[in-house]
Amino acid sequence: MVASLARSTAVAKLASAPGWYVADLDDDWSYLTPSGGVLMTVAMRAMAAELGDATFRPVSANALFCSPVPAGPLEVRVEVIRSGGAAVQLRAALSSTKRPGPGLEVSATFARARSGYEVLGLARPTLPGPAACPDAGNEVRMAAGRRSRPFFENFEMRLAHGARLWEPTGWQGTDARWACWYRYKEPQRLASGVLDPFAIPPIADTMPGALANHLGPDKPFFAPSLDLTVHFIESSDAEWFLVDSRCQRAFGGYATADADIWDDAGRLVARTTQTMILRDPERMTAALAKL
């Protein structure tokens, strides 16, 4: 079943409590629990609603993931830290109404468009476009299990670099890089025709594949996010987006990775970084099942 990200992450303001918003996130965007990137999107939609000015767009955001958040009703508390003519900084705390305690906190900057220098100091990756890459979506969904990983049902996916991680054998670990093209099955566009920027965090939160590609199939792991940072750079009216991720270091039970997100027209849409804690997959699955 294909879900609408816009509908799934919609928020409603509570008239009785200034800065409070509610949402109801279903399981359609879950791995075992809802994707951290999708939860980040919910929090940022509440920020945008509190800001109430469409001339401001997100330019950077950082999410701290405090504890797993189950699917279902959510609460978001938004606070404006500073409001200026060019930029506004906000913070949001998201939690589940079914599970006490903090879920995640997001701080973000929204800003108006300005004129200035244009520099691209990053080389575009020499990887094939989506039409030349093998289909990864069906294989990922079958290997992950449709019930436990419905997140993947919402995308078409094309593998641009790395091993077929869904295959239990037949490949060996190589470089700590994994690049995949993503296209939302239900387009996520604003009225202007460009990609909704809140559609970026869900695909940004896919960096553990880079570490898996290096370790190989005999070293499984589960990698919950501790944080996720997204720099929103250029608007795009494309359909396909390449998430080119690299694991820079794994050490002491943690890993750090980064990714560049390009569209199929060669525009740098976003840059992201992520810190993960590495868990035993069987123990982690059992723990999450109790939520």
C-alpha atoms as a PDB file:
ATOM      1  CA  MET A   1       0.000   0.000   0.000  1.00  0.00           C
ATOM      2  CA  VAL A   2       1.341   3.424  -0.999  1.00  0.00           C
ATOM      3  CA  ALA A   3       0.931   6.187   1.569  1.00  0.00           C
ATOM      4  CA  SER A   4       0.880   9.938   1.160  1.00  0.00           C
ATOM      5  CA  LEU A   5       3.678  11.555   3.140  1.00  0.00           C
ATOM      6  CA  ALA A   6       1.792  14.862   3.230  1.00  0.00           C
ATOM      7  CA  ARG A   7      -1.327  13.274   4.711  1.00  0.00           C
ATOM      8  CA  SER A   8       0.544  10.946   7.064  1.00  0.00           C
ATOM      9  CA  THR A   9       2.623  13.769   8.559  1.00  0.00           C
ATOM     10  CA  ALA A  10      -0.081  16.444   8.671  1.00  0.00           C
ATOM     11  CA  VAL A  11      -0.431  18.362  11.926  1.00  0.00           C
ATOM     12  CA  ALA A  12      -3.318  20.178  13.580  1.00  0.00           C
ATOM     13  CA  LYS A  13      -2.977  23.091  15.993  1.00  0.00           C
ATOM     14  CA  LEU A  14      -4.541  22.895  19.437  1.00  0.00           C
ATOM     15  CA  ALA A  15      -6.459  26.107  19.982  1.00  0.00           C
ATOM     16  CA  SER A  16      -6.364  25.656  23.751  1.00  0.00           C
ATOM     17  CA  ALA A  17      -2.560  25.401  23.991  1.00  0.00           C
ATOM     18  CA  PRO A  18      -0.309  27.891  22.151  1.00  0.00           C
ATOM     19  CA  GLY A  19       2.503  26.188  20.261  1.00  0.00           C
ATOM     20  CA  TRP A  20       0.966  22.707  20.626  1.00  0.00           C
ATOM     21  CA  TYR A  21       0.176  20.485  17.647  1.00  0.00           C
ATOM     22  CA  VAL A  22      -1.115  16.950  17.226  1.00  0.00           C
ATOM     23  CA  ALA A  23      -0.615  14.369  14.494  1.00  0.00           C
ATOM     24  CA  ASP A  24      -1.550  10.742  13.899  1.00  0.00           C
ATOM     25  CA  LEU A  25       1.218   8.794  12.166  1.00  0.00           C
ATOM     26  CA  ASP A  26       0.317   5.329  10.942  1.00  0.00           C
ATOM     27  CA  ASP A  27       2.585   2.332  10.316  1.00  0.00           C
ATOM     28  CA  ASP A  28       2.973   3.042   6.602  1.00  0.00           C
ATOM     29  CA  TRP A  29       6.286   4.843   7.249  1.00  0.00           C
ATOM     30  CA  SER A  30       7.839   2.350   9.661  1.00  0.00           C
ATOM     31  CA  TYR A  31      10.843   0.092   9.601  1.00  0.00           C
ATOM     32  CA  LEU A  32      10.006  -1.629  12.883  1.00  0.00           C
ATOM     33  CA  THR A  33       8.886   1.704  14.327  1.00  0.00           C
ATOM     34  CA  PRO A  34       8.291   4.938  12.386  1.00  0.00           C
ATOM     35  CA  SER A  35      11.303   6.241  10.459  1.00  0.00           C
ATOM     36  CA  GLY A  36      13.211   8.910  12.346  1.00  0.00           C
ATOM     37  CA  GLY A  37      13.293  11.004   9.192  1.00  0.00           C
ATOM     38  CA  VAL A  38       9.510  10.856   8.923  1.00  0.00           C
ATOM     39  CA  LEU A  39       9.128  11.858  12.570  1.00  0.00           C
ATOM     40  CA  MET A  40      11.481  14.759  11.853  1.00  0.00           C
ATOM     41  CA  THR A  41       9.147  15.753   9.018  1.00  0.00           C
ATOM     42  CA  VAL A  42       6.164  15.788  11.409  1.00  0.00           C
ATOM     43  CA  ALA A  43       8.040  18.097  13.791  1.00  0.00           C
ATOM     44  CA  MET A  44       9.080  20.413  10.961  1.00  0.00           C
ATOM     45  CA  ARG A  45       5.519  20.653   9.652  1.00  0.00           C
ATOM     46  CA  ALA A  46       4.483  21.841  13.109  1.00  0.00           C
ATOM     47  CA  MET A  47       7.297  24.409  12.996  1.00  0.00           C
ATOM     48  CA  ALA A  48       6.129  25.680   9.613  1.00  0.00           C
ATOM     49  CA  ALA A  49       2.548  25.903  10.884  1.00  0.00           C
ATOM     50  CA  GLU A  50       3.676  27.876  13.933  1.00  0.00           C
ATOM     51  CA  LEU A  51       5.732  30.182  11.711  1.00  0.00           C
ATOM     52  CA  GLY A  52       2.745  30.722   9.421  1.00  0.00           C
ATOM     53  CA  ASP A  53       4.693  32.426   6.651  1.00  0.00           C
ATOM     54  CA  ALA A  54       5.326  30.510   3.410  1.00  0.00           C
ATOM     55  CA  THR A  55       8.021  32.981   2.324  1.00  0.00           C
ATOM     56  CA  PHE A  56      10.322  31.235   4.821  1.00  0.00           C
ATOM     57  CA  ARG A  57      11.707  27.856   3.789  1.00  0.00           C
ATOM     58  CA  PRO A  58      13.805  25.392   5.818  1.00  0.00           C
ATOM     59  CA  VAL A  59      17.561  25.791   5.357  1.00  0.00           C
ATOM     60  CA  SER A  60      18.881  23.563   8.156  1.00  0.00           C
ATOM     61  CA  ALA A  61      17.545  21.232  10.824  1.00  0.00           C
ATOM     62  CA  ASN A  62      18.937  18.897  13.448  1.00  0.00           C
ATOM     63  CA  ALA A  63      17.010  16.125  15.164  1.00  0.00           C
ATOM     64  CA  LEU A  64      18.039  14.426  18.408  1.00  0.00           C
ATOM     65  CA  PHE A  65      16.360  11.037  18.811  1.00  0.00           C
ATOM     66  CA  CYS A  66      15.801  10.440  22.498  1.00  0.00           C
ATOM     67  CA  SER A  67      13.718   7.245  22.494  1.00  0.00           C
ATOM     68  CA  PRO A  68      11.728   5.116  20.009  1.00  0.00           C
ATOM     69  CA  VAL A  69       8.357   6.582  19.052  1.00  0.00           C
ATOM     70  CA  PRO A  70       5.576   4.123  18.180  1.00  0.00           C
ATOM     71  CA  ALA A  71       3.079   4.749  15.422  1.00  0.00           C
ATOM     72  CA  GLY A  72      -0.129   6.455  16.493  1.00  0.00           C
ATOM     73  CA  PRO A  73      -1.097   9.796  18.049  1.00  0.00           C
ATOM     74  CA  LEU A  74       1.692  12.330  18.519  1.00  0.00           C
ATOM     75  CA  GLU A  75       2.116  15.673  20.256  1.00  0.00           C
ATOM     76  CA  VAL A  76       4.493  18.411  19.131  1.00  0.00           C
ATOM     77  CA  ARG A  77       5.397  21.473  21.192  1.00  0.00           C
ATOM     78  CA  VAL A  78       6.936  24.304  19.149  1.00  0.00           C
ATOM     79  CA  GLU A  79       8.853  27.305  20.427  1.00  0.00           C
ATOM     80  CA  VAL A  80      10.152  30.222  18.374  1.00  0.00           C
ATOM     81  CA  ILE A  81      13.692  30.928  19.586  1.00  0.00           C
ATOM     82  CA  ARG A  82      14.339  34.004  17.470  1.00  0.00           C
ATOM     83  CA  SER A  83      12.407  35.743  14.703  1.00  0.00           C
ATOM     84  CA  GLY A  84      14.211  38.081  12.308  1.00  0.00           C
ATOM     85  CA  GLY A  85      13.580  39.600   8.924  1.00  0.00           C
ATOM     86  CA  ALA A  86      15.767  37.097   7.079  1.00  0.00           C
ATOM     87  CA  ALA A  87      15.662  34.005   9.284  1.00  0.00           C
ATOM     88  CA  VAL A  88      13.684  32.391  12.090  1.00  0.00           C
ATOM     89  CA  GLN A  89      14.987  29.736  14.492  1.00  0.00           C
ATOM     90  CA  LEU A  90      12.599  27.302  16.153  1.00  0.00           C
ATOM     91  CA  ARG A  91      12.686  24.190  18.278  1.00  0.00           C
ATOM     92  CA  ALA A  92      10.128  21.404  18.548  1.00  0.00           C
ATOM     93  CA  ALA A  93       9.693  18.496  20.956  1.00  0.00           C
ATOM     94  CA  LEU A  94       7.764  15.488  19.617  1.00  0.00           C
ATOM     95  CA  SER A  95       6.433  12.671  21.766  1.00  0.00           C
ATOM     96  CA  SER A  96       3.938   9.845  21.621  1.00  0.00           C
ATOM     97  CA  THR A  97       0.719  10.058  23.621  1.00  0.00           C
ATOM     98  CA  LYS A  98       0.929   6.264  24.046  1.00  0.00           C
ATOM     99  CA  ARG A  99       4.417   6.201  25.551  1.00  0.00           C
ATOM    100  CA  PRO A 100       5.635   8.622  28.229  1.00  0.00           C
ATOM    101  CA  GLY A 101       8.920  10.429  27.907  1.00  0.00           C
ATOM    102  CA  PRO A 102      10.696  12.420  25.190  1.00  0.00           C
ATOM    103  CA  GLY A 103      10.712  11.102  21.642  1.00  0.00           C
ATOM    104  CA  LEU A 104      12.802  13.538  19.618  1.00  0.00           C
ATOM    105  CA  GLU A 105      13.727  17.196  19.592  1.00  0.00           C
ATOM    106  CA  VAL A 106      14.333  19.231  16.453  1.00  0.00           C
ATOM    107  CA  SER A 107      15.952  22.628  16.070  1.00  0.00           C
ATOM    108  CA  ALA A 108      15.695  24.325  12.699  1.00  0.00           C
ATOM    109  CA  THR A 109      16.289  27.536  10.797  1.00  0.00           C
ATOM    110  CA  PHE A 110      13.780  28.802   8.243  1.00  0.00           C
ATOM    111  CA  ALA A 111      14.854  31.673   5.998  1.00  0.00           C
ATOM    112  CA  ARG A 112      13.708  33.862   3.129  1.00  0.00           C
ATOM    113  CA  ALA A 113      15.318  33.614  -0.305  1.00  0.00           C
ATOM    114  CA  ARG A 114      18.170  36.077  -0.843  1.00  0.00           C
ATOM    115  CA  SER A 115      20.597  36.921  -3.631  1.00  0.00           C
ATOM    116  CA  GLY A 116      24.318  36.195  -3.332  1.00  0.00           C
ATOM    117  CA  TYR A 117      27.275  34.220  -4.647  1.00  0.00           C
ATOM    118  CA  GLU A 118      26.758  30.792  -6.202  1.00  0.00           C
ATOM    119  CA  VAL A 119      29.496  28.210  -5.638  1.00  0.00           C
ATOM    120  CA  LEU A 120      29.424  24.428  -6.066  1.00  0.00           C
ATOM    121  CA  GLY A 121      32.602  23.112  -4.493  1.00  0.00           C
ATOM    122  CA  LEU A 122      31.447  19.503  -4.508  1.00  0.00           C
ATOM    123  CA  ALA A 123      31.964  17.282  -7.546  1.00  0.00           C
ATOM    124  CA  ARG A 124      28.862  15.607  -8.887  1.00  0.00           C
ATOM    125  CA  PRO A 125      29.101  11.831  -8.477  1.00  0.00           C
ATOM    126  CA  THR A 126      30.007   9.841 -11.567  1.00  0.00           C
ATOM    127  CA  LEU A 127      27.221   7.336 -11.065  1.00  0.00           C
ATOM    128  CA  PRO A 128      24.629   6.116 -13.565  1.00  0.00           C
ATOM    129  CA  GLY A 129      21.212   7.718 -13.668  1.00  0.00           C
ATOM    130  CA  PRO A 130      18.115   5.910 -12.440  1.00  0.00           C
ATOM    131  CA  ALA A 131      17.184   4.527 -15.855  1.00  0.00           C
ATOM    132  CA  ALA A 132      20.543   2.720 -16.050  1.00  0.00           C
ATOM    133  CA  CYS A 133      20.420   1.265 -12.515  1.00  0.00           C
ATOM    134  CA  PRO A 134      18.864  -2.041 -11.404  1.00  0.00           C
ATOM    135  CA  ASP A 135      15.561  -2.008  -9.552  1.00  0.00           C
ATOM    136  CA  ALA A 136      16.143  -2.230  -5.812  1.00  0.00           C
ATOM    137  CA  GLY A 137      12.664  -1.561  -4.477  1.00  0.00           C
ATOM    138  CA  ASN A 138      11.012  -4.948  -4.899  1.00  0.00           C
ATOM    139  CA  GLU A 139      14.049  -6.817  -3.621  1.00  0.00           C
ATOM    140  CA  VAL A 140      14.431  -4.585  -0.559  1.00  0.00           C
ATOM    141  CA  ARG A 141      10.772  -4.919   0.296  1.00  0.00           C
ATOM    142  CA  MET A 142      10.776  -8.710  -0.023  1.00  0.00           C
ATOM    143  CA  ALA A 143      13.964  -9.106   2.020  1.00  0.00           C
ATOM    144  CA  ALA A 144      12.837  -6.706   4.732  1.00  0.00           C
ATOM    145  CA  GLY A 145       9.375  -8.162   5.050  1.00  0.00           C
ATOM    146  CA  ARG A 146       6.331  -6.150   4.086  1.00  0.00           C
ATOM    147  CA  ARG A 147       4.847  -6.130   7.575  1.00  0.00           C
ATOM    148  CA  SER A 148       7.945  -4.999   9.443  1.00  0.00           C
ATOM    149  CA  ARG A 149       9.329  -2.594   6.818  1.00  0.00           C
ATOM    150  CA  PRO A 150       6.374  -0.880   5.093  1.00  0.00           C
ATOM    151  CA  PHE A 151       8.535   2.262   4.705  1.00  0.00           C
ATOM    152  CA  PHE A 152       9.958   0.887   1.446  1.00  0.00           C
ATOM    153  CA  GLU A 153       6.512   0.413  -0.093  1.00  0.00           C
ATOM    154  CA  ASN A 154       6.338   4.154  -0.719  1.00  0.00           C
ATOM    155  CA  PHE A 155       9.292   4.407  -3.096  1.00  0.00           C
ATOM    156  CA  GLU A 156      10.670   3.283  -6.383  1.00  0.00           C
ATOM    157  CA  MET A 157      14.365   2.567  -5.833  1.00  0.00           C
ATOM    158  CA  ARG A 158      17.341   2.099  -8.156  1.00  0.00           C
ATOM    159  CA  LEU A 159      20.737   0.931  -6.903  1.00  0.00           C
ATOM    160  CA  ALA A 160      23.547   3.195  -8.191  1.00  0.00           C
ATOM    161  CA  HIS A 161      26.495   1.993  -6.086  1.00  0.00           C
ATOM    162  CA  GLY A 162      27.047  -0.862  -3.662  1.00  0.00           C
ATOM    163  CA  ALA A 163      26.062  -4.453  -3.102  1.00  0.00           C
ATOM    164  CA  ARG A 164      22.584  -5.904  -3.169  1.00  0.00           C
ATOM    165  CA  LEU A 165      22.186  -5.695   0.583  1.00  0.00           C
ATOM    166  CA  TRP A 166      18.944  -7.654   0.509  1.00  0.00           C
ATOM    167  CA  GLU A 167      20.781 -10.811  -0.611  1.00  0.00           C
ATOM    168  CA  PRO A 168      21.893 -12.874   2.428  1.00  0.00           C
ATOM    169  CA  THR A 169      24.921 -14.346   0.592  1.00  0.00           C
ATOM    170  CA  GLY A 170      26.832 -13.965  -2.651  1.00  0.00           C
ATOM    171  CA  TRP A 171      28.569 -10.676  -1.976  1.00  0.00           C
ATOM    172  CA  GLN A 172      31.437  -9.387   0.108  1.00  0.00           C
ATOM    173  CA  GLY A 173      31.998  -6.132   1.902  1.00  0.00           C
ATOM    174  CA  THR A 174      33.789  -3.443  -0.088  1.00  0.00           C
ATOM    175  CA  ASP A 175      33.834   0.312   0.368  1.00  0.00           C
ATOM    176  CA  ALA A 176      31.751   2.082   3.003  1.00  0.00           C
ATOM    177  CA  ARG A 177      29.489   3.718   0.436  1.00  0.00           C
ATOM    178  CA  TRP A 178      25.967   2.995  -0.746  1.00  0.00           C
ATOM    179  CA  ALA A 179      24.082   5.119  -3.258  1.00  0.00           C
ATOM    180  CA  CYS A 180      20.459   4.671  -4.243  1.00  0.00           C
ATOM    181  CA  TRP A 181      17.983   6.623  -6.353  1.00  0.00           C
ATOM    182  CA  TYR A 182      14.585   7.241  -4.720  1.00  0.00           C
ATOM    183  CA  ARG A 183      11.318   8.360  -6.265  1.00  0.00           C
ATOM    184  CA  TYR A 184       8.186   8.810  -4.190  1.00  0.00           C
ATOM    185  CA  LYS A 185       5.381   6.745  -5.680  1.00  0.00           C
ATOM    186  CA  GLU A 186       2.998   9.504  -4.672  1.00  0.00           C
ATOM    187  CA  PRO A 187       4.633  12.775  -5.775  1.00  0.00           C
ATOM    188  CA  GLN A 188       5.561  15.125  -2.947  1.00  0.00           C
ATOM    189  CA  ARG A 189       5.297  18.536  -4.581  1.00  0.00           C
ATOM    190  CA  LEU A 190       4.367  22.014  -3.532  1.00  0.00           C
ATOM    191  CA  ALA A 191       1.883  24.090  -5.525  1.00  0.00           C
ATOM    192  CA  SER A 192       4.862  25.630  -7.353  1.00  0.00           C
ATOM    193  CA  GLY A 193       5.810  22.202  -8.721  1.00  0.00           C
ATOM    194  CA  VAL A 194       9.033  21.766  -6.718  1.00  0.00           C
ATOM    195  CA  LEU A 195       9.731  18.994  -4.247  1.00  0.00           C
ATOM    196  CA  ASP A 196       8.262  19.540  -0.806  1.00  0.00           C
ATOM    197  CA  PRO A 197      11.410  20.070   1.313  1.00  0.00           C
ATOM    198  CA  PHE A 198       9.820  18.077   4.127  1.00  0.00           C
ATOM    199  CA  ALA A 199      10.109  15.032   1.840  1.00  0.00           C
ATOM    200  CA  ILE A 200      13.910  15.134   2.220  1.00  0.00           C
ATOM    201  CA  PRO A 201      14.404  13.874   5.832  1.00  0.00           C
ATOM    202  CA  PRO A 202      12.776  10.466   5.154  1.00  0.00           C
ATOM    203  CA  ILE A 203      15.207   9.630   2.340  1.00  0.00           C
ATOM    204  CA  ALA A 204      18.115  11.206   4.233  1.00  0.00           C
ATOM    205  CA  ASP A 205      17.556   8.755   7.101  1.00  0.00           C
ATOM    206  CA  THR A 206      18.828   5.798   5.043  1.00  0.00           C
ATOM    207  CA  MET A 207      22.593   5.975   5.643  1.00  0.00           C
ATOM    208  CA  PRO A 208      23.231   2.650   7.472  1.00  0.00           C
ATOM    209  CA  GLY A 209      23.480   0.984   4.042  1.00  0.00           C
ATOM    210  CA  ALA A 210      26.944   2.491   3.633  1.00  0.00           C
ATOM    211  CA  LEU A 211      28.239   0.637   6.701  1.00  0.00           C
ATOM    212  CA  ALA A 212      26.456  -2.571   5.688  1.00  0.00           C
ATOM    213  CA  ASN A 213      28.107  -2.415   2.270  1.00  0.00           C
ATOM    214  CA  HIS A 214      31.519  -2.327   3.972  1.00  0.00           C
ATOM    215  CA  LEU A 215      30.913  -5.021   6.598  1.00  0.00           C
ATOM    216  CA  GLY A 216      29.302  -7.577   4.315  1.00  0.00           C
ATOM    217  CA  PRO A 217      26.400  -9.972   4.897  1.00  0.00           C
ATOM    218  CA  ASP A 218      28.013 -11.887   7.765  1.00  0.00           C
ATOM    219  CA  LYS A 219      28.020  -8.918  10.152  1.00  0.00           C
ATOM    220  CA  PRO A 220      24.388  -7.821  10.601  1.00  0.00           C
ATOM    221  CA  PHE A 221      23.476  -4.880  12.770  1.00  0.00           C
ATOM    222  CA  PHE A 222      20.613  -2.555  13.607  1.00  0.00           C
ATOM    223  CA  ALA A 223      21.466   1.155  13.588  1.00  0.00           C
ATOM    224  CA  PRO A 224      18.992   3.435  15.383  1.00  0.00           C
ATOM    225  CA  SER A 225      19.694   7.112  14.792  1.00  0.00           C
ATOM    226  CA  LEU A 226      21.011   9.260  17.606  1.00  0.00           C
ATOM    227  CA  ASP A 227      20.845  12.385  15.493  1.00  0.00           C
ATOM    228  CA  LEU A 228      20.169  13.520  11.947  1.00  0.00           C
ATOM    229  CA  THR A 229      21.157  16.857  10.430  1.00  0.00           C
ATOM    230  CA  VAL A 230      19.825  18.091   7.086  1.00  0.00           C
ATOM    231  CA  HIS A 231      21.013  21.137   5.155  1.00  0.00           C
ATOM    232  CA  PHE A 232      18.347  22.025   2.598  1.00  0.00           C
ATOM    233  CA  ILE A 233      20.155  23.576  -0.365  1.00  0.00           C
ATOM    234  CA  GLU A 234      18.494  23.841  -3.764  1.00  0.00           C
ATOM    235  CA  SER A 235      14.867  23.437  -4.830  1.00  0.00           C
ATOM    236  CA  SER A 236      14.134  20.800  -7.436  1.00  0.00           C
ATOM    237  CA  ASP A 237      11.282  19.922  -9.755  1.00  0.00           C
ATOM    238  CA  ALA A 238      12.777  16.485 -10.504  1.00  0.00           C
ATOM    239  CA  GLU A 239      11.275  13.113  -9.593  1.00  0.00           C
ATOM    240  CA  TRP A 240      14.382  11.041  -8.862  1.00  0.00           C
ATOM    241  CA  PHE A 241      16.775  11.792  -5.989  1.00  0.00           C
ATOM    242  CA  LEU A 242      20.129  10.128  -5.413  1.00  0.00           C
ATOM    243  CA  VAL A 243      21.145   9.567  -1.789  1.00  0.00           C
ATOM    244  CA  ASP A 244      24.913   9.037  -1.993  1.00  0.00           C
ATOM    245  CA  SER A 245      25.923   7.961   1.518  1.00  0.00           C
ATOM    246  CA  ARG A 246      29.302   7.185   3.093  1.00  0.00           C
ATOM    247  CA  CYS A 247      30.133   5.819   6.528  1.00  0.00           C
ATOM    248  CA  GLN A 248      33.162   7.797   7.646  1.00  0.00           C
ATOM    249  CA  ARG A 249      33.848   5.898  10.876  1.00  0.00           C
ATOM    250  CA  ALA A 250      32.482   3.119  13.059  1.00  0.00           C
ATOM    251  CA  PHE A 251      34.065   2.784  16.474  1.00  0.00           C
ATOM    252  CA  GLY A 252      33.112   1.710  19.981  1.00  0.00           C
ATOM    253  CA  GLY A 253      29.563   0.687  19.085  1.00  0.00           C
ATOM    254  CA  TYR A 254      28.710   3.858  17.165  1.00  0.00           C
ATOM    255  CA  ALA A 255      28.985   5.014  13.565  1.00  0.00           C
ATOM    256  CA  THR A 256      28.908   8.346  11.775  1.00  0.00           C
ATOM    257  CA  ALA A 257      27.869   8.809   8.175  1.00  0.00           C
ATOM    258  CA  ASP A 258      27.065  11.566   5.725  1.00  0.00           C
ATOM    259  CA  ALA A 259      25.221  11.800   2.433  1.00  0.00           C
ATOM    260  CA  ASP A 260      24.761  14.136  -0.491  1.00  0.00           C
ATOM    261  CA  ILE A 261      21.333  14.226  -2.118  1.00  0.00           C
ATOM    262  CA  TRP A 262      21.291  15.055  -5.832  1.00  0.00           C
ATOM    263  CA  ASP A 263      18.448  15.152  -8.308  1.00  0.00           C
ATOM    264  CA  ASP A 264      18.654  13.582 -11.758  1.00  0.00           C
ATOM    265  CA  ALA A 265      19.312  17.019 -13.279  1.00  0.00           C
ATOM    266  CA  GLY A 266      22.578  17.291 -11.327  1.00  0.00           C
ATOM    267  CA  ARG A 267      21.396  19.737  -8.665  1.00  0.00           C
ATOM    268  CA  LEU A 268      22.677  19.383  -5.104  1.00  0.00           C
ATOM    269  CA  VAL A 269      19.414  19.331  -3.163  1.00  0.00           C
ATOM    270  CA  ALA A 270      20.655  18.593   0.362  1.00  0.00           C
ATOM    271  CA  ARG A 271      23.567  17.469   2.518  1.00  0.00           C
ATOM    272  CA  THR A 272      23.053  15.329   5.593  1.00  0.00           C
ATOM    273  CA  THR A 273      24.952  13.788   8.494  1.00  0.00           C
ATOM    274  CA  GLN A 274      23.925  11.118  10.956  1.00  0.00           C
ATOM    275  CA  THR A 275      25.189   9.417  14.116  1.00  0.00           C
ATOM    276  CA  MET A 276      24.013   5.871  14.800  1.00  0.00           C
ATOM    277  CA  ILE A 277      24.287   3.470  17.724  1.00  0.00           C
ATOM    278  CA  LEU A 278      24.997  -0.083  16.585  1.00  0.00           C
ATOM    279  CA  ARG A 279      22.777  -2.771  18.090  1.00  0.00           C
ATOM    280  CA  ASP A 280      22.365  -6.508  17.809  1.00  0.00           C
ATOM    281  CA  PRO A 281      19.430  -6.902  15.373  1.00  0.00           C
ATOM    282  CA  GLU A 282      17.679  -9.771  17.162  1.00  0.00           C
ATOM    283  CA  ARG A 283      17.779  -8.088  20.574  1.00  0.00           C
ATOM    284  CA  MET A 284      16.728  -4.774  19.083  1.00  0.00           C
ATOM    285  CA  THR A 285      13.776  -6.334  17.249  1.00  0.00           C
ATOM    286  CA  ALA A 286      12.597  -8.010  20.443  1.00  0.00           C
ATOM    287  CA  ALA A 287      12.882  -4.774  22.420  1.00  0.00           C
ATOM    288  CA  LEU A 288      10.974  -2.715  19.851  1.00  0.00           C
ATOM    289  CA  ALA A 289       8.208  -5.341  19.691  1.00  0.00           C
ATOM    290  CA  LYS A 290       7.377  -4.492  23.322  1.00  0.00           C
ATOM    291  CA  LEU A 291       6.622  -0.822  22.565  1.00  0.00           C
END
